Amino acid sequence: MRKSVLIHLKMEQARSHLHELAKKYNGFLHPEVIKQSVILDKLIDQFNHEAESKNKADG
């Protein structure tokens, strides 16, 4: 499986967990929710980096 596909799956799991935490803590300001948001942001950055690298290699 390609690295970008694995990252995408991790992103979906992280996003789902973020929503669960936001519901549990009634919003996005609780430290655990913010921590999960940072995790998701890092995965999105990784995904975008992989996409850019692939585009440069193809182009």
N, C-alpha and C. Protein backbone atom coordinates (compact mmCIF):
# COMPACT_ATOMS: atom_id res chain seq x y z
N MET A 1 0.85 -1.18 0.00
CA MET A 1 0.00 0.00 0.00
C MET A 1 0.89 1.25 0.00
N ARG A 2 0.51 2.22 -0.79
CA ARG A 2 1.30 3.45 -0.88
C ARG A 2 1.27 4.23 0.43
N LYS A 3 2.35 4.95 0.67
CA LYS A 3 2.48 5.73 1.90
C LYS A 3 1.36 6.75 2.04
N SER A 4 0.98 7.40 0.94
CA SER A 4 -0.07 8.41 1.00
C SER A 4 -1.41 7.79 1.39
N VAL A 5 -1.66 6.56 0.98
CA VAL A 5 -2.91 5.88 1.35
C VAL A 5 -2.91 5.59 2.84
N LEU A 6 -1.79 5.14 3.37
CA LEU A 6 -1.69 4.87 4.80
C LEU A 6 -1.88 6.15 5.62
N ILE A 7 -1.27 7.22 5.16
CA ILE A 7 -1.42 8.49 5.86
C ILE A 7 -2.88 8.93 5.83
N HIS A 8 -3.52 8.75 4.68
CA HIS A 8 -4.93 9.14 4.55
C HIS A 8 -5.80 8.35 5.53
N LEU A 9 -5.54 7.06 5.67
CA LEU A 9 -6.30 6.25 6.63
C LEU A 9 -6.07 6.74 8.06
N LYS A 10 -4.83 7.06 8.38
CA LYS A 10 -4.52 7.59 9.71
C LYS A 10 -5.21 8.93 9.94
N MET A 11 -5.28 9.75 8.88
CA MET A 11 -5.97 11.03 8.98
C MET A 11 -7.45 10.83 9.31
N GLU A 12 -8.08 9.89 8.65
CA GLU A 12 -9.50 9.63 8.90
C GLU A 12 -9.73 9.15 10.32
N GLN A 13 -8.84 8.29 10.81
CA GLN A 13 -8.95 7.82 12.19
C GLN A 13 -8.74 8.97 13.18
N ALA A 14 -7.76 9.80 12.90
CA ALA A 14 -7.47 10.94 13.78
C ALA A 14 -8.62 11.94 13.77
N ARG A 15 -9.22 12.15 12.61
CA ARG A 15 -10.35 13.08 12.50
C ARG A 15 -11.55 12.55 13.29
N SER A 16 -11.80 11.26 13.16
CA SER A 16 -12.90 10.64 13.90
C SER A 16 -12.68 10.76 15.41
N HIS A 17 -11.45 10.49 15.84
CA HIS A 17 -11.13 10.59 17.26
C HIS A 17 -11.26 12.04 17.74
N LEU A 18 -10.86 12.99 16.91
CA LEU A 18 -11.00 14.40 17.26
C LEU A 18 -12.46 14.75 17.52
N HIS A 19 -13.35 14.29 16.65
CA HIS A 19 -14.77 14.58 16.82
C HIS A 19 -15.33 13.91 18.08
N GLU A 20 -14.87 12.70 18.36
CA GLU A 20 -15.29 12.02 19.59
C GLU A 20 -14.86 12.82 20.83
N LEU A 21 -13.62 13.28 20.82
CA LEU A 21 -13.13 14.06 21.96
C LEU A 21 -13.86 15.39 22.09
N ALA A 22 -14.12 16.04 20.97
CA ALA A 22 -14.83 17.32 21.01
C ALA A 22 -16.23 17.13 21.59
N LYS A 23 -16.86 16.03 21.24
CA LYS A 23 -18.19 15.73 21.78
C LYS A 23 -18.09 15.45 23.28
N LYS A 24 -17.09 14.66 23.66
CA LYS A 24 -16.90 14.29 25.07
C LYS A 24 -16.65 15.52 25.95
N TYR A 25 -15.84 16.45 25.44
CA TYR A 25 -15.44 17.62 26.22
C TYR A 25 -16.22 18.88 25.85
N ASN A 26 -17.29 18.72 25.10
CA ASN A 26 -18.19 19.83 24.75
C ASN A 26 -17.49 20.99 24.04
N GLY A 27 -16.66 20.67 23.08
CA GLY A 27 -16.01 21.72 22.30
C GLY A 27 -14.57 21.39 21.98
N PHE A 28 -13.90 22.37 21.40
CA PHE A 28 -12.55 22.17 20.90
C PHE A 28 -11.47 22.83 21.76
N LEU A 29 -11.82 23.31 22.95
CA LEU A 29 -10.85 24.04 23.76
C LEU A 29 -10.19 23.20 24.85
N HIS A 30 -10.65 22.00 25.07
CA HIS A 30 -10.05 21.13 26.08
C HIS A 30 -8.66 20.70 25.60
N PRO A 31 -7.69 20.60 26.51
CA PRO A 31 -6.32 20.23 26.12
C PRO A 31 -6.22 18.92 25.34
N GLU A 32 -7.02 17.93 25.67
CA GLU A 32 -6.98 16.66 24.94
C GLU A 32 -7.46 16.82 23.51
N VAL A 33 -8.45 17.68 23.31
CA VAL A 33 -8.96 17.94 21.97
C VAL A 33 -7.91 18.69 21.15
N ILE A 34 -7.29 19.66 21.77
CA ILE A 34 -6.23 20.42 21.09
C ILE A 34 -5.07 19.51 20.73
N LYS A 35 -4.71 18.63 21.64
CA LYS A 35 -3.63 17.67 21.37
C LYS A 35 -3.96 16.81 20.15
N GLN A 36 -5.20 16.34 20.08
CA GLN A 36 -5.61 15.51 18.94
C GLN A 36 -5.65 16.32 17.65
N SER A 37 -6.02 17.58 17.77
CA SER A 37 -6.03 18.46 16.60
C SER A 37 -4.63 18.64 16.03
N VAL A 38 -3.64 18.75 16.91
CA VAL A 38 -2.25 18.88 16.48
C VAL A 38 -1.80 17.60 15.77
N ILE A 39 -2.21 16.45 16.29
CA ILE A 39 -1.88 15.17 15.65
C ILE A 39 -2.46 15.14 14.24
N LEU A 40 -3.71 15.53 14.11
CA LEU A 40 -4.35 15.56 12.79
C LEU A 40 -3.63 16.54 11.86
N ASP A 41 -3.28 17.70 12.36
CA ASP A 41 -2.56 18.69 11.55
C ASP A 41 -1.24 18.12 11.01
N LYS A 42 -0.52 17.40 11.85
CA LYS A 42 0.75 16.81 11.42
C LYS A 42 0.53 15.76 10.33
N LEU A 43 -0.53 14.98 10.46
CA LEU A 43 -0.84 13.99 9.43
C LEU A 43 -1.21 14.66 8.12
N ILE A 44 -1.97 15.74 8.20
CA ILE A 44 -2.33 16.49 6.99
C ILE A 44 -1.07 17.06 6.33
N ASP A 45 -0.16 17.58 7.14
CA ASP A 45 1.11 18.08 6.60
C ASP A 45 1.90 16.97 5.89
N GLN A 46 1.94 15.79 6.52
CA GLN A 46 2.64 14.65 5.91
C GLN A 46 1.99 14.27 4.58
N PHE A 47 0.66 14.23 4.57
CA PHE A 47 -0.07 13.87 3.36
C PHE A 47 0.23 14.86 2.24
N ASN A 48 0.18 16.14 2.57
CA ASN A 48 0.46 17.17 1.57
C ASN A 48 1.90 17.09 1.07
N HIS A 49 2.83 16.81 1.96
CA HIS A 49 4.24 16.66 1.57
C HIS A 49 4.40 15.49 0.60
N GLU A 50 3.74 14.37 0.89
CA GLU A 50 3.80 13.21 -0.01
C GLU A 50 3.22 13.56 -1.38
N ALA A 51 2.11 14.27 -1.38
CA ALA A 51 1.48 14.65 -2.65
C ALA A 51 2.39 15.58 -3.45
N GLU A 52 3.01 16.54 -2.79
CA GLU A 52 3.93 17.45 -3.47
C GLU A 52 5.14 16.71 -4.02
N SER A 53 5.67 15.78 -3.24
CA SER A 53 6.82 15.00 -3.68
C SER A 53 6.48 14.16 -4.90
N LYS A 54 5.28 13.57 -4.89
CA LYS A 54 4.84 12.76 -6.02
C LYS A 54 4.67 13.63 -7.27
N ASN A 55 4.08 14.80 -7.10
CA ASN A 55 3.88 15.70 -8.23
C ASN A 55 5.21 16.14 -8.83
N LYS A 56 6.20 16.42 -8.00
CA LYS A 56 7.52 16.81 -8.50
C LYS A 56 8.19 15.66 -9.23
N ALA A 57 8.01 14.44 -8.72
CA ALA A 57 8.61 13.27 -9.36
C ALA A 57 7.94 12.97 -10.69
N ASP A 58 6.64 13.21 -10.77
CA ASP A 58 5.89 12.94 -12.00
C ASP A 58 6.07 14.04 -13.05
N GLY A 59 6.37 15.22 -12.58
CA GLY A 59 6.32 16.37 -13.44
C GLY A 59 7.51 16.79 -14.13
